[in-house]
C-alpha atoms as a PDB file:
ATOM      1  CA  MET A   1     -25.121  -0.552  -8.765  1.00  0.00           C
ATOM      2  CA  SER A   2     -27.073  -1.349  -5.634  1.00  0.00           C
ATOM      3  CA  ALA A   3     -25.505   0.662  -2.841  1.00  0.00           C
ATOM      4  CA  THR A   4     -26.213   3.132  -0.108  1.00  0.00           C
ATOM      5  CA  GLN A   5     -24.785   6.640  -0.140  1.00  0.00           C
ATOM      6  CA  ALA A   6     -21.588   7.062   1.864  1.00  0.00           C
ATOM      7  CA  SER A   7     -21.227   9.670   4.575  1.00  0.00           C
ATOM      8  CA  LYS A   8     -20.514  13.160   3.308  1.00  0.00           C
ATOM      9  CA  ALA A   9     -16.912  13.665   2.200  1.00  0.00           C
ATOM     10  CA  VAL A  10     -14.898  16.529   3.663  1.00  0.00           C
ATOM     11  CA  PRO A  11     -12.963  18.487   1.010  1.00  0.00           C
ATOM     12  CA  VAL A  12      -9.315  19.378   1.658  1.00  0.00           C
ATOM     13  CA  GLU A  13      -7.722  22.411   0.001  1.00  0.00           C
ATOM     14  CA  THR A  14      -4.276  20.940  -0.601  1.00  0.00           C
ATOM     15  CA  GLN A  15      -2.742  23.907  -2.470  1.00  0.00           C
ATOM     16  CA  HIS A  16      -1.113  21.416  -4.852  1.00  0.00           C
ATOM     17  CA  GLU A  17      -0.465  22.875  -8.304  1.00  0.00           C
ATOM     18  CA  ASP A  18      -1.121  19.670 -10.248  1.00  0.00           C
ATOM     19  CA  MET A  19      -2.859  16.292 -10.048  1.00  0.00           C
ATOM     20  CA  ILE A  20      -2.877  14.466  -6.685  1.00  0.00           C
ATOM     21  CA  HIS A  21      -1.936  10.791  -6.918  1.00  0.00           C
ATOM     22  CA  ASP A  22      -2.097   9.632  -3.306  1.00  0.00           C
ATOM     23  CA  ALA A  23      -3.357  10.688   0.122  1.00  0.00           C
ATOM     24  CA  GLN A  24      -2.598   8.763   3.312  1.00  0.00           C
ATOM     25  CA  LEU A  25      -3.533   9.297   6.954  1.00  0.00           C
ATOM     26  CA  ASP A  26      -0.974   8.348   9.598  1.00  0.00           C
ATOM     27  CA  TYR A  27      -1.538   5.602  12.180  1.00  0.00           C
ATOM     28  CA  TYR A  28      -3.529   7.841  14.528  1.00  0.00           C
ATOM     29  CA  GLY A  29      -5.432   9.690  11.807  1.00  0.00           C
ATOM     30  CA  LYS A  30      -3.942  12.988  12.969  1.00  0.00           C
ATOM     31  CA  ARG A  31      -1.904  13.780   9.873  1.00  0.00           C
ATOM     32  CA  LEU A  32      -2.619  13.564   6.167  1.00  0.00           C
ATOM     33  CA  ALA A  33       0.157  13.254   3.584  1.00  0.00           C
ATOM     34  CA  THR A  34      -0.481  13.902  -0.114  1.00  0.00           C
ATOM     35  CA  ALA A  35       1.596  13.248  -3.258  1.00  0.00           C
ATOM     36  CA  SER A  36       1.292  15.198  -6.483  1.00  0.00           C
ATOM     37  CA  SER A  37       2.524  15.723 -10.025  1.00  0.00           C
ATOM     38  CA  ASP A  38       3.754  19.126  -8.817  1.00  0.00           C
ATOM     39  CA  LYS A  39       6.751  17.156  -7.425  1.00  0.00           C
ATOM     40  CA  THR A  40       5.915  17.875  -3.782  1.00  0.00           C
ATOM     41  CA  VAL A  41       4.667  16.027  -0.721  1.00  0.00           C
ATOM     42  CA  ARG A  42       2.376  17.932   1.636  1.00  0.00           C
ATOM     43  CA  ILE A  43       1.509  17.148   5.248  1.00  0.00           C
ATOM     44  CA  PHE A  44      -1.593  18.457   7.013  1.00  0.00           C
ATOM     45  CA  ASN A  45      -2.728  18.348  10.618  1.00  0.00           C
ATOM     46  CA  VAL A  46      -6.128  16.683  10.941  1.00  0.00           C
ATOM     47  CA  VAL A  47      -8.518  17.832  13.690  1.00  0.00           C
ATOM     48  CA  LYS A  48     -11.909  16.129  14.065  1.00  0.00           C
ATOM     49  CA  GLY A  49     -11.701  14.757  10.558  1.00  0.00           C
ATOM     50  CA  GLU A  50     -10.737  18.032   8.892  1.00  0.00           C
ATOM     51  CA  ALA A  51      -7.368  19.307   7.675  1.00  0.00           C
ATOM     52  CA  LYS A  52      -6.351  22.484   9.515  1.00  0.00           C
ATOM     53  CA  GLY A  53      -3.815  25.196   8.788  1.00  0.00           C
ATOM     54  CA  ASP A  54      -1.242  25.530   6.040  1.00  0.00           C
ATOM     55  CA  PRO A  55       0.491  22.321   4.963  1.00  0.00           C
ATOM     56  CA  ILE A  56       4.117  21.410   5.421  1.00  0.00           C
ATOM     57  CA  VAL A  57       5.646  21.218   1.924  1.00  0.00           C
ATOM     58  CA  LEU A  58       8.455  18.723   1.270  1.00  0.00           C
ATOM     59  CA  LYS A  59      10.482  19.275  -1.896  1.00  0.00           C
ATOM     60  CA  GLY A  60      13.257  17.341  -3.584  1.00  0.00           C
ATOM     61  CA  HIS A  61      11.671  15.044  -6.124  1.00  0.00           C
ATOM     62  CA  THR A  62      12.218  16.168  -9.715  1.00  0.00           C
ATOM     63  CA  ALA A  63       9.150  14.452 -11.206  1.00  0.00           C
ATOM     64  CA  PRO A  64       5.606  13.452 -10.188  1.00  0.00           C
ATOM     65  CA  VAL A  65       5.319  11.818  -6.759  1.00  0.00           C
ATOM     66  CA  TRP A  66       3.168   8.692  -7.020  1.00  0.00           C
ATOM     67  CA  GLN A  67       2.774   7.454  -3.452  1.00  0.00           C
ATOM     68  CA  VAL A  68       3.444   8.232   0.199  1.00  0.00           C
ATOM     69  CA  SER A  69       3.529   5.768   3.093  1.00  0.00           C
ATOM     70  CA  TRP A  70       3.694   6.319   6.865  1.00  0.00           C
ATOM     71  CA  ALA A  71       5.892   4.070   9.007  1.00  0.00           C
ATOM     72  CA  HIS A  72       4.528   2.708  12.285  1.00  0.00           C
ATOM     73  CA  PRO A  73       4.728   5.410  15.002  1.00  0.00           C
ATOM     74  CA  SER A  74       6.940   3.199  17.174  1.00  0.00           C
ATOM     75  CA  PHE A  75       9.778   4.276  14.845  1.00  0.00           C
ATOM     76  CA  GLY A  76       8.942   7.980  15.080  1.00  0.00           C
ATOM     77  CA  SER A  77       7.185  10.265  12.605  1.00  0.00           C
ATOM     78  CA  ILE A  78       8.569   8.818   9.374  1.00  0.00           C
ATOM     79  CA  LEU A  79       7.135   9.165   5.877  1.00  0.00           C
ATOM     80  CA  ALA A  80       8.328   7.582   2.623  1.00  0.00           C
ATOM     81  CA  SER A  81       7.657   8.976  -0.854  1.00  0.00           C
ATOM     82  CA  CYS A  82       8.305   7.516  -4.316  1.00  0.00           C
ATOM     83  CA  SER A  83       8.474   9.234  -7.671  1.00  0.00           C
ATOM     84  CA  TYR A  84       8.690   8.983 -11.424  1.00  0.00           C
ATOM     85  CA  ASP A  85      12.262  10.280 -10.967  1.00  0.00           C
ATOM     86  CA  GLY A  86      13.269   6.760  -9.845  1.00  0.00           C
ATOM     87  CA  ARG A  87      13.994   7.744  -6.265  1.00  0.00           C
ATOM     88  CA  VAL A  88      12.505   6.990  -2.865  1.00  0.00           C
ATOM     89  CA  PHE A  89      12.884   9.559  -0.084  1.00  0.00           C
ATOM     90  CA  ILE A  90      12.541   8.814   3.627  1.00  0.00           C
ATOM     91  CA  TRP A  91      11.470  11.844   5.675  1.00  0.00           C
ATOM     92  CA  LYS A  92      11.637  12.118   9.464  1.00  0.00           C
ATOM     93  CA  GLU A  93      10.126  14.790  11.673  1.00  0.00           C
ATOM     94  CA  VAL A  94      12.821  16.420  13.788  1.00  0.00           C
ATOM     95  CA  GLY A  95      10.845  19.424  14.991  1.00  0.00           C
ATOM     96  CA  PRO A  96      11.433  23.172  14.565  1.00  0.00           C
ATOM     97  CA  GLY A  97      14.697  24.933  15.267  1.00  0.00           C
ATOM     98  CA  HIS A  98      16.941  22.619  13.261  1.00  0.00           C
ATOM     99  CA  GLY A  99      18.924  24.105  10.400  1.00  0.00           C
ATOM    100  CA  LYS A 100      20.679  21.077   8.954  1.00  0.00           C
ATOM    101  CA  GLY A 101      20.581  17.438   9.996  1.00  0.00           C
ATOM    102  CA  SER A 102      22.685  14.382   9.269  1.00  0.00           C
ATOM    103  CA  GLY A 103      20.709  13.638   6.106  1.00  0.00           C
ATOM    104  CA  GLY A 104      20.490  17.113   4.681  1.00  0.00           C
ATOM    105  CA  GLU A 105      18.519  20.319   4.896  1.00  0.00           C
ATOM    106  CA  ILE A 106      15.534  20.517   7.223  1.00  0.00           C
ATOM    107  CA  GLN A 107      12.238  21.495   5.573  1.00  0.00           C
ATOM    108  CA  ASP A 108       9.555  22.749   7.956  1.00  0.00           C
ATOM    109  CA  GLY A 109      10.868  20.513  10.739  1.00  0.00           C
ATOM    110  CA  TRP A 110      11.244  17.440   8.507  1.00  0.00           C
ATOM    111  CA  GLU A 111      14.604  15.964   7.524  1.00  0.00           C
ATOM    112  CA  ARG A 112      15.242  13.785   4.493  1.00  0.00           C
ATOM    113  CA  ILE A 113      17.199  11.005   6.184  1.00  0.00           C
ATOM    114  CA  LYS A 114      17.549   8.662   3.205  1.00  0.00           C
ATOM    115  CA  GLU A 115      17.588   8.857  -0.580  1.00  0.00           C
ATOM    116  CA  HIS A 116      17.103   5.397  -2.109  1.00  0.00           C
ATOM    117  CA  THR A 117      18.476   5.333  -5.667  1.00  0.00           C
ATOM    118  CA  LEU A 118      18.865   1.682  -6.692  1.00  0.00           C
ATOM    119  CA  HIS A 119      16.098   1.819  -9.297  1.00  0.00           C
ATOM    120  CA  SER A 120      16.665   2.913 -12.910  1.00  0.00           C
ATOM    121  CA  ALA A 121      13.069   3.917 -13.678  1.00  0.00           C
ATOM    122  CA  SER A 122       9.913   5.231 -12.024  1.00  0.00           C
ATOM    123  CA  VAL A 123       9.218   3.888  -8.524  1.00  0.00           C
ATOM    124  CA  ASN A 124       5.493   3.244  -8.560  1.00  0.00           C
ATOM    125  CA  SER A 125       4.659   1.774  -5.162  1.00  0.00           C
ATOM    126  CA  ILE A 126       6.057   1.654  -1.619  1.00  0.00           C
ATOM    127  CA  ALA A 127       4.916  -0.201   1.493  1.00  0.00           C
ATOM    128  CA  TRP A 128       6.216  -0.517   5.062  1.00  0.00           C
ATOM    129  CA  ALA A 129       6.423  -3.990   6.595  1.00  0.00           C
ATOM    130  CA  PRO A 130       4.393  -5.022   9.678  1.00  0.00           C
ATOM    131  CA  TYR A 131       5.986  -3.119  12.559  1.00  0.00           C
ATOM    132  CA  ASP A 132       7.166  -6.257  14.389  1.00  0.00           C
ATOM    133  CA  LEU A 133       9.563  -6.919  11.486  1.00  0.00           C
ATOM    134  CA  GLY A 134      11.181  -3.535  12.074  1.00  0.00           C
ATOM    135  CA  PRO A 135      11.412  -0.477   9.794  1.00  0.00           C
ATOM    136  CA  ILE A 136      11.547  -2.173   6.369  1.00  0.00           C
ATOM    137  CA  LEU A 137      10.274  -0.631   3.139  1.00  0.00           C
ATOM    138  CA  ALA A 138       9.436  -2.496  -0.090  1.00  0.00           C
ATOM    139  CA  CYS A 139       9.513  -0.615  -3.414  1.00  0.00           C
ATOM    140  CA  ALA A 140       8.205  -1.588  -6.868  1.00  0.00           C
ATOM    141  CA  SER A 141       9.576   0.012 -10.034  1.00  0.00           C
ATOM    142  CA  SER A 142       8.981   0.270 -13.772  1.00  0.00           C
ATOM    143  CA  ASP A 143      12.474  -1.204 -14.217  1.00  0.00           C
ATOM    144  CA  GLY A 144      10.806  -4.535 -13.392  1.00  0.00           C
ATOM    145  CA  LYS A 145      12.511  -4.864 -10.023  1.00  0.00           C
ATOM    146  CA  ILE A 146      11.507  -4.794  -6.364  1.00  0.00           C
ATOM    147  CA  SER A 147      13.842  -3.460  -3.698  1.00  0.00           C
ATOM    148  CA  VAL A 148      13.639  -3.902   0.063  1.00  0.00           C
ATOM    149  CA  LEU A 149      15.239  -1.247   2.269  1.00  0.00           C
ATOM    150  CA  SER A 150      15.954  -2.137   5.925  1.00  0.00           C
ATOM    151  CA  PHE A 151      16.898   0.371   8.636  1.00  0.00           C
ATOM    152  CA  GLN A 152      19.293  -0.759  11.367  1.00  0.00           C
ATOM    153  CA  ASN A 153      19.387   0.418  14.986  1.00  0.00           C
ATOM    154  CA  ASP A 154      22.457   2.573  14.316  1.00  0.00           C
ATOM    155  CA  GLY A 155      20.661   4.441  11.545  1.00  0.00           C
ATOM    156  CA  SER A 156      22.404   2.657   8.689  1.00  0.00           C
ATOM    157  CA  THR A 157      20.458   0.931   5.920  1.00  0.00           C
ATOM    158  CA  ASP A 158      20.728  -2.296   3.963  1.00  0.00           C
ATOM    159  CA  ALA A 159      19.052  -2.771   0.599  1.00  0.00           C
ATOM    160  CA  VAL A 160      18.437  -5.723  -1.691  1.00  0.00           C
ATOM    161  CA  ILE A 161      16.978  -5.565  -5.193  1.00  0.00           C
ATOM    162  CA  PHE A 162      15.698  -8.383  -7.384  1.00  0.00           C
ATOM    163  CA  PRO A 163      13.852  -8.844 -10.709  1.00  0.00           C
ATOM    164  CA  ALA A 164      10.115  -9.355 -10.260  1.00  0.00           C
ATOM    165  CA  HIS A 165       8.130  -8.392 -13.373  1.00  0.00           C
ATOM    166  CA  GLY A 166      10.064  -8.092 -16.619  1.00  0.00           C
ATOM    167  CA  SER A 167       7.847  -5.403 -18.112  1.00  0.00           C
ATOM    168  CA  GLY A 168       7.492  -3.360 -14.927  1.00  0.00           C
ATOM    169  CA  ALA A 169       6.427  -3.734 -11.284  1.00  0.00           C
ATOM    170  CA  ASN A 170       3.437  -1.545 -10.447  1.00  0.00           C
ATOM    171  CA  ALA A 171       2.486  -2.435  -6.875  1.00  0.00           C
ATOM    172  CA  VAL A 172       3.727  -4.142  -3.730  1.00  0.00           C
ATOM    173  CA  SER A 173       2.084  -5.098  -0.416  1.00  0.00           C
ATOM    174  CA  TRP A 174       3.216  -6.983   2.696  1.00  0.00           C
ATOM    175  CA  ALA A 175       1.627 -10.074   4.165  1.00  0.00           C
ATOM    176  CA  PRO A 176       0.131  -9.278   7.593  1.00  0.00           C
ATOM    177  CA  SER A 177       1.347 -10.425  10.960  1.00  0.00           C
ATOM    178  CA  VAL A 178      -0.197 -13.678  12.171  1.00  0.00           C
ATOM    179  CA  LEU A 179      -1.567 -14.134  15.691  1.00  0.00           C
ATOM    180  CA  SER A 180      -0.458 -17.520  16.974  1.00  0.00           C
ATOM    181  CA  ALA A 181      -2.043 -19.181  19.999  1.00  0.00           C
ATOM    182  CA  PRO A 182      -0.104 -21.405  22.457  1.00  0.00           C
ATOM    183  CA  GLY A 183       1.038 -24.672  20.932  1.00  0.00           C
ATOM    184  CA  GLY A 184       1.648 -23.119  17.541  1.00  0.00           C
ATOM    185  CA  GLN A 185      -2.027 -23.040  16.564  1.00  0.00           C
ATOM    186  CA  LYS A 186      -3.291 -19.971  14.767  1.00  0.00           C
ATOM    187  CA  GLY A 187      -6.003 -18.112  16.578  1.00  0.00           C
ATOM    188  CA  ALA A 188      -6.834 -15.097  18.701  1.00  0.00           C
ATOM    189  CA  GLY A 189      -5.905 -16.539  22.067  1.00  0.00           C
ATOM    190  CA  ALA A 190      -5.308 -14.198  25.004  1.00  0.00           C
ATOM    191  CA  SER A 191      -1.746 -15.451  25.398  1.00  0.00           C
ATOM    192  CA  GLY A 192      -1.032 -15.681  21.683  1.00  0.00           C
ATOM    193  CA  GLN A 193       1.918 -13.948  20.063  1.00  0.00           C
ATOM    194  CA  VAL A 194       2.166 -11.918  16.892  1.00  0.00           C
ATOM    195  CA  THR A 195       4.641 -13.443  14.473  1.00  0.00           C
ATOM    196  CA  SER A 196       5.582 -12.337  10.985  1.00  0.00           C
ATOM    197  CA  GLN A 197       7.422 -13.873   8.096  1.00  0.00           C
ATOM    198  CA  LYS A 198       8.913 -11.620   5.474  1.00  0.00           C
ATOM    199  CA  ARG A 199       6.483 -12.097   2.603  1.00  0.00           C
ATOM    200  CA  ILE A 200       5.213  -9.669  -0.030  1.00  0.00           C
ATOM    201  CA  VAL A 201       2.883  -9.724  -3.020  1.00  0.00           C
ATOM    202  CA  SER A 202       3.544  -7.758  -6.206  1.00  0.00           C
ATOM    203  CA  GLY A 203       1.629  -6.891  -9.368  1.00  0.00           C
ATOM    204  CA  GLY A 204       3.081  -6.014 -12.726  1.00  0.00           C
ATOM    205  CA  SER A 205       2.685  -4.984 -16.335  1.00  0.00           C
ATOM    206  CA  ASP A 206       3.080  -8.659 -17.300  1.00  0.00           C
ATOM    207  CA  ASN A 207      -0.512  -9.169 -16.012  1.00  0.00           C
ATOM    208  CA  ALA A 208       0.847 -11.331 -13.173  1.00  0.00           C
ATOM    209  CA  ILE A 209       0.614 -11.356  -9.391  1.00  0.00           C
ATOM    210  CA  ARG A 210       3.558 -12.908  -7.568  1.00  0.00           C
ATOM    211  CA  VAL A 211       4.114 -13.866  -3.930  1.00  0.00           C
ATOM    212  CA  TRP A 212       7.680 -13.561  -2.621  1.00  0.00           C
ATOM    213  CA  GLY A 213       9.212 -14.929   0.570  1.00  0.00           C
ATOM    214  CA  TYR A 214      12.530 -14.100   2.220  1.00  0.00           C
ATOM    215  CA  ASP A 215      14.878 -17.041   2.630  1.00  0.00           C
ATOM    216  CA  GLU A 216      16.675 -16.326   5.910  1.00  0.00           C
ATOM    217  CA  THR A 217      19.336 -18.961   5.192  1.00  0.00           C
ATOM    218  CA  ALA A 218      20.192 -17.836   1.673  1.00  0.00           C
ATOM    219  CA  LYS A 219      19.544 -14.180   2.542  1.00  0.00           C
ATOM    220  CA  LYS A 220      17.515 -13.557  -0.594  1.00  0.00           C
ATOM    221  CA  TRP A 221      13.946 -13.131  -1.840  1.00  0.00           C
ATOM    222  CA  THR A 222      12.489 -16.029  -3.818  1.00  0.00           C
ATOM    223  CA  GLU A 223       9.274 -16.361  -5.796  1.00  0.00           C
ATOM    224  CA  GLU A 224       6.897 -18.700  -3.964  1.00  0.00           C
ATOM    225  CA  GLU A 225       4.019 -18.685  -6.424  1.00  0.00           C
ATOM    226  CA  GLU A 226       2.320 -16.846  -9.259  1.00  0.00           C
ATOM    227  CA  ILE A 227      -1.378 -15.998  -9.237  1.00  0.00           C
ATOM    228  CA  LYS A 228      -2.986 -15.553 -12.649  1.00  0.00           C
ATOM    229  CA  GLY A 229      -6.367 -14.209 -13.655  1.00  0.00           C
ATOM    230  CA  HIS A 230      -5.955 -10.720 -15.103  1.00  0.00           C
ATOM    231  CA  GLU A 231      -5.791 -10.027 -18.837  1.00  0.00           C
ATOM    232  CA  ASN A 232      -3.992  -6.682 -18.638  1.00  0.00           C
ATOM    233  CA  TRP A 233      -1.642  -4.741 -16.369  1.00  0.00           C
ATOM    234  CA  VAL A 234      -2.086  -5.304 -12.637  1.00  0.00           C
ATOM    235  CA  ARG A 235      -2.298  -1.758 -11.297  1.00  0.00           C
ATOM    236  CA  ASP A 236      -2.499  -2.522  -7.570  1.00  0.00           C
ATOM    237  CA  VAL A 237      -2.334  -5.362  -5.058  1.00  0.00           C
ATOM    238  CA  SER A 238      -3.275  -5.284  -1.378  1.00  0.00           C
ATOM    239  CA  TRP A 239      -2.830  -8.043   1.196  1.00  0.00           C
ATOM    240  CA  ALA A 240      -5.583  -7.827   3.808  1.00  0.00           C
ATOM    241  CA  PRO A 241      -4.442  -7.150   7.423  1.00  0.00           C
ATOM    242  CA  ASN A 242      -6.615 -10.010   8.642  1.00  0.00           C
ATOM    243  CA  ILE A 243      -5.117 -10.611  12.093  1.00  0.00           C
ATOM    244  CA  GLY A 244      -7.211 -13.213  13.918  1.00  0.00           C
ATOM    245  CA  LEU A 245      -9.373 -13.918  10.853  1.00  0.00           C
ATOM    246  CA  PRO A 246      -9.370 -17.280   9.059  1.00  0.00           C
ATOM    247  CA  GLY A 247      -7.471 -17.587   5.808  1.00  0.00           C
ATOM    248  CA  MET A 248      -5.654 -15.021   3.698  1.00  0.00           C
ATOM    249  CA  TYR A 249      -7.043 -12.378   1.336  1.00  0.00           C
ATOM    250  CA  ILE A 250      -5.292 -10.507  -1.475  1.00  0.00           C
ATOM    251  CA  ALA A 251      -7.120  -7.985  -3.652  1.00  0.00           C
ATOM    252  CA  SER A 252      -5.846  -7.027  -7.096  1.00  0.00           C
ATOM    253  CA  ALA A 253      -6.920  -4.241  -9.471  1.00  0.00           C
ATOM    254  CA  SER A 254      -6.238  -4.226 -13.175  1.00  0.00           C
ATOM    255  CA  GLN A 255      -6.253  -2.261 -16.391  1.00  0.00           C
ATOM    256  CA  ASP A 256      -8.650  -4.969 -17.631  1.00  0.00           C
ATOM    257  CA  ARG A 257     -11.362  -3.230 -15.520  1.00  0.00           C
ATOM    258  CA  THR A 258     -11.681  -6.036 -12.978  1.00  0.00           C
ATOM    259  CA  VAL A 259     -10.944  -6.576  -9.296  1.00  0.00           C
ATOM    260  CA  LEU A 260     -10.120 -10.075  -8.094  1.00  0.00           C
ATOM    261  CA  ILE A 261     -10.216 -11.338  -4.504  1.00  0.00           C
ATOM    262  CA  HIS A 262      -7.674 -14.139  -4.013  1.00  0.00           C
ATOM    263  CA  THR A 263      -8.230 -16.304  -0.946  1.00  0.00           C
ATOM    264  CA  ARG A 264      -6.659 -19.341   0.639  1.00  0.00           C
ATOM    265  CA  SER A 265      -7.824 -21.159   3.762  1.00  0.00           C
ATOM    266  CA  SER A 266      -4.392 -22.464   4.793  1.00  0.00           C
ATOM    267  CA  PRO A 267      -0.723 -21.929   3.844  1.00  0.00           C
ATOM    268  CA  THR A 268      -0.765 -25.134   1.795  1.00  0.00           C
ATOM    269  CA  SER A 269      -4.089 -24.714  -0.014  1.00  0.00           C
ATOM    270  CA  PRO A 270      -4.254 -23.195  -3.514  1.00  0.00           C
ATOM    271  CA  TRP A 271      -5.356 -19.619  -4.088  1.00  0.00           C
ATOM    272  CA  GLN A 272      -8.967 -19.218  -5.204  1.00  0.00           C
ATOM    273  CA  SER A 273      -9.817 -16.095  -7.236  1.00  0.00           C
ATOM    274  CA  THR A 274     -13.236 -14.433  -7.203  1.00  0.00           C
ATOM    275  CA  PRO A 275     -14.131 -11.340  -9.259  1.00  0.00           C
ATOM    276  CA  LEU A 276     -16.181  -8.472  -7.856  1.00  0.00           C
ATOM    277  CA  LYS A 277     -19.377  -7.837  -9.832  1.00  0.00           C
ATOM    278  CA  PRO A 278     -20.032  -4.080 -10.001  1.00  0.00           C
ATOM    279  CA  GLN A 279     -23.001  -4.272 -12.367  1.00  0.00           C
ATOM    280  CA  ALA A 280     -26.580  -5.089 -11.313  1.00  0.00           C
ATOM    281  CA  PRO A 281     -26.807  -7.753  -8.564  1.00  0.00           C
ATOM    282  CA  GLN A 282     -28.189 -10.315 -11.001  1.00  0.00           C
ATOM    283  CA  SER A 283     -25.394  -9.678 -13.528  1.00  0.00           C
ATOM    284  CA  ASP A 284     -22.309 -11.868 -13.794  1.00  0.00           C
ATOM    285  CA  ASP A 285     -20.329  -9.163 -15.601  1.00  0.00           C
ATOM    286  CA  PRO A 286     -17.124  -8.521 -13.580  1.00  0.00           C
ATOM    287  CA  HIS A 287     -16.121  -5.356 -15.433  1.00  0.00           C
ATOM    288  CA  PHE A 288     -16.013  -1.891 -13.880  1.00  0.00           C
ATOM    289  CA  PRO A 289     -16.722   1.139 -16.129  1.00  0.00           C
ATOM    290  CA  ASP A 290     -13.022   1.969 -16.439  1.00  0.00           C
ATOM    291  CA  ALA A 291      -9.569   0.682 -15.479  1.00  0.00           C
ATOM    292  CA  VAL A 292      -9.266   0.042 -11.742  1.00  0.00           C
ATOM    293  CA  TRP A 293      -6.332   1.852 -10.162  1.00  0.00           C
ATOM    294  CA  ARG A 294      -6.306   1.174  -6.435  1.00  0.00           C
ATOM    295  CA  VAL A 295      -7.591  -1.296  -3.854  1.00  0.00           C
ATOM    296  CA  SER A 296      -7.256  -0.752  -0.099  1.00  0.00           C
ATOM    297  CA  TRP A 297      -8.436  -2.779   2.900  1.00  0.00           C
ATOM    298  CA  SER A 298      -9.861  -1.412   6.135  1.00  0.00           C
ATOM    299  CA  ILE A 299      -7.781  -1.863   9.304  1.00  0.00           C
ATOM    300  CA  ALA A 300      -9.739  -4.993  10.246  1.00  0.00           C
ATOM    301  CA  GLY A 301      -9.449  -6.366   6.723  1.00  0.00           C
ATOM    302  CA  ASN A 302     -13.198  -6.830   6.266  1.00  0.00           C
ATOM    303  CA  ILE A 303     -13.980  -3.865   3.969  1.00  0.00           C
ATOM    304  CA  LEU A 304     -12.322  -3.266   0.591  1.00  0.00           C
ATOM    305  CA  ALA A 305     -12.217   0.161  -1.058  1.00  0.00           C
ATOM    306  CA  VAL A 306     -11.959   0.182  -4.861  1.00  0.00           C
ATOM    307  CA  SER A 307     -10.903   3.286  -6.813  1.00  0.00           C
ATOM    308  CA  CYS A 308     -11.882   3.276 -10.484  1.00  0.00           C
ATOM    309  CA  GLY A 309     -10.739   5.393 -13.407  1.00  0.00           C
ATOM    310  CA  ASP A 310     -14.223   6.880 -13.734  1.00  0.00           C
ATOM    311  CA  GLY A 311     -13.633   8.840 -10.514  1.00  0.00           C
ATOM    312  CA  LYS A 312     -15.798   6.657  -8.269  1.00  0.00           C
ATOM    313  CA  VAL A 313     -14.845   4.799  -5.092  1.00  0.00           C
ATOM    314  CA  SER A 314     -16.851   1.784  -3.967  1.00  0.00           C
ATOM    315  CA  LEU A 315     -16.764  -0.186  -0.701  1.00  0.00           C
ATOM    316  CA  TRP A 316     -17.171  -3.958  -0.685  1.00  0.00           C
ATOM    317  CA  LYS A 317     -17.837  -6.520   2.016  1.00  0.00           C
ATOM    318  CA  GLU A 318     -18.052 -10.302   1.972  1.00  0.00           C
ATOM    319  CA  GLY A 319     -21.552 -11.389   2.932  1.00  0.00           C
ATOM    320  CA  VAL A 320     -22.171 -14.732   4.626  1.00  0.00           C
ATOM    321  CA  GLY A 321     -23.202 -17.081   1.842  1.00  0.00           C
ATOM    322  CA  LYS A 322     -23.728 -14.134  -0.512  1.00  0.00           C
ATOM    323  CA  GLY A 323     -20.272 -13.504  -1.905  1.00  0.00           C
ATOM    324  CA  TRP A 324     -18.897  -9.968  -2.191  1.00  0.00           C
ATOM    325  CA  GLU A 325     -21.407  -7.122  -2.112  1.00  0.00           C
ATOM    326  CA  CYS A 326     -21.047  -3.388  -2.755  1.00  0.00           C
ATOM    327  CA  VAL A 327     -22.165  -1.612   0.404  1.00  0.00           C
ATOM    328  CA  SER A 328     -21.432   1.971  -0.679  1.00  0.00           C
ATOM    329  CA  ASP A 329     -20.227   4.010  -3.631  1.00  0.00           C
ATOM    330  CA  PHE A 330     -19.453   7.680  -4.125  1.00  0.00           C
ATOM    331  CA  SER A 331     -17.581  10.028  -6.409  1.00  0.00           C
ATOM    332  CA  SER A 332     -14.013  10.798  -5.400  1.00  0.00           C
END
């Protein structure tokens, strides 16, 4: 693979007792949350790019924890976690000196304010909606269903659940907010407004990618379209946060060892799928060395990180007239 070496990675001693499945920085990059097969979530303070001090340890899950996800800071310090035990926990920082809160016991200044139990199998993926939609969490489960949990101003929650992938839902991601200029035209105008529609993309063990929209009149989620292209389980999907950029981008990673970039230039145009080519530049082979587990966009939506089963992470960027190019790769 033609690529330059990435900047030196900084190791973090997590003190986890088993495999780590996810690690996420908060909005400001000041805290790192990790999820592990040891059934715990750990939170570290990050100073100048390095984790400092002993971690906060959050317990309660009874099986491996697959993912963690930070809510937007406008809602407070809130972290969600999902597990093989079929549950989703919502944790909120309440500070030291609290013995017991409204949601249960306080652990190291963090209270578990919600236990989401609508799923009947492993919850594999969680994602918070764009902050202008409010505190809303989407969850994908091996029971084939997706649930959407909404928090109200009074602290109560509403939840809806619907079938999405008959053989299991592995991943879920929200469509980004759209910057609209005056007159309803999309663009990055100074007086434009950020508007969002409730829309998510999911990937499943049926090899399919599906886009879902929320019907405000019927008060339900409906399938808008299906995107095909993978020949095995879709392990991850990620909708690019491309505010102010033309078109829409969705990346998908699969057990078939490929990554596809799905693009559309307008809401009415069809999705076009392009595979990444991790072999030599002159090769048309789209296969990575192993199954591809995760894809994640940069904040601006112009760099895609790909995590492969061989332990390597590669960074990709769309070159003008050159397609997608690997700009860096390193061992995780």
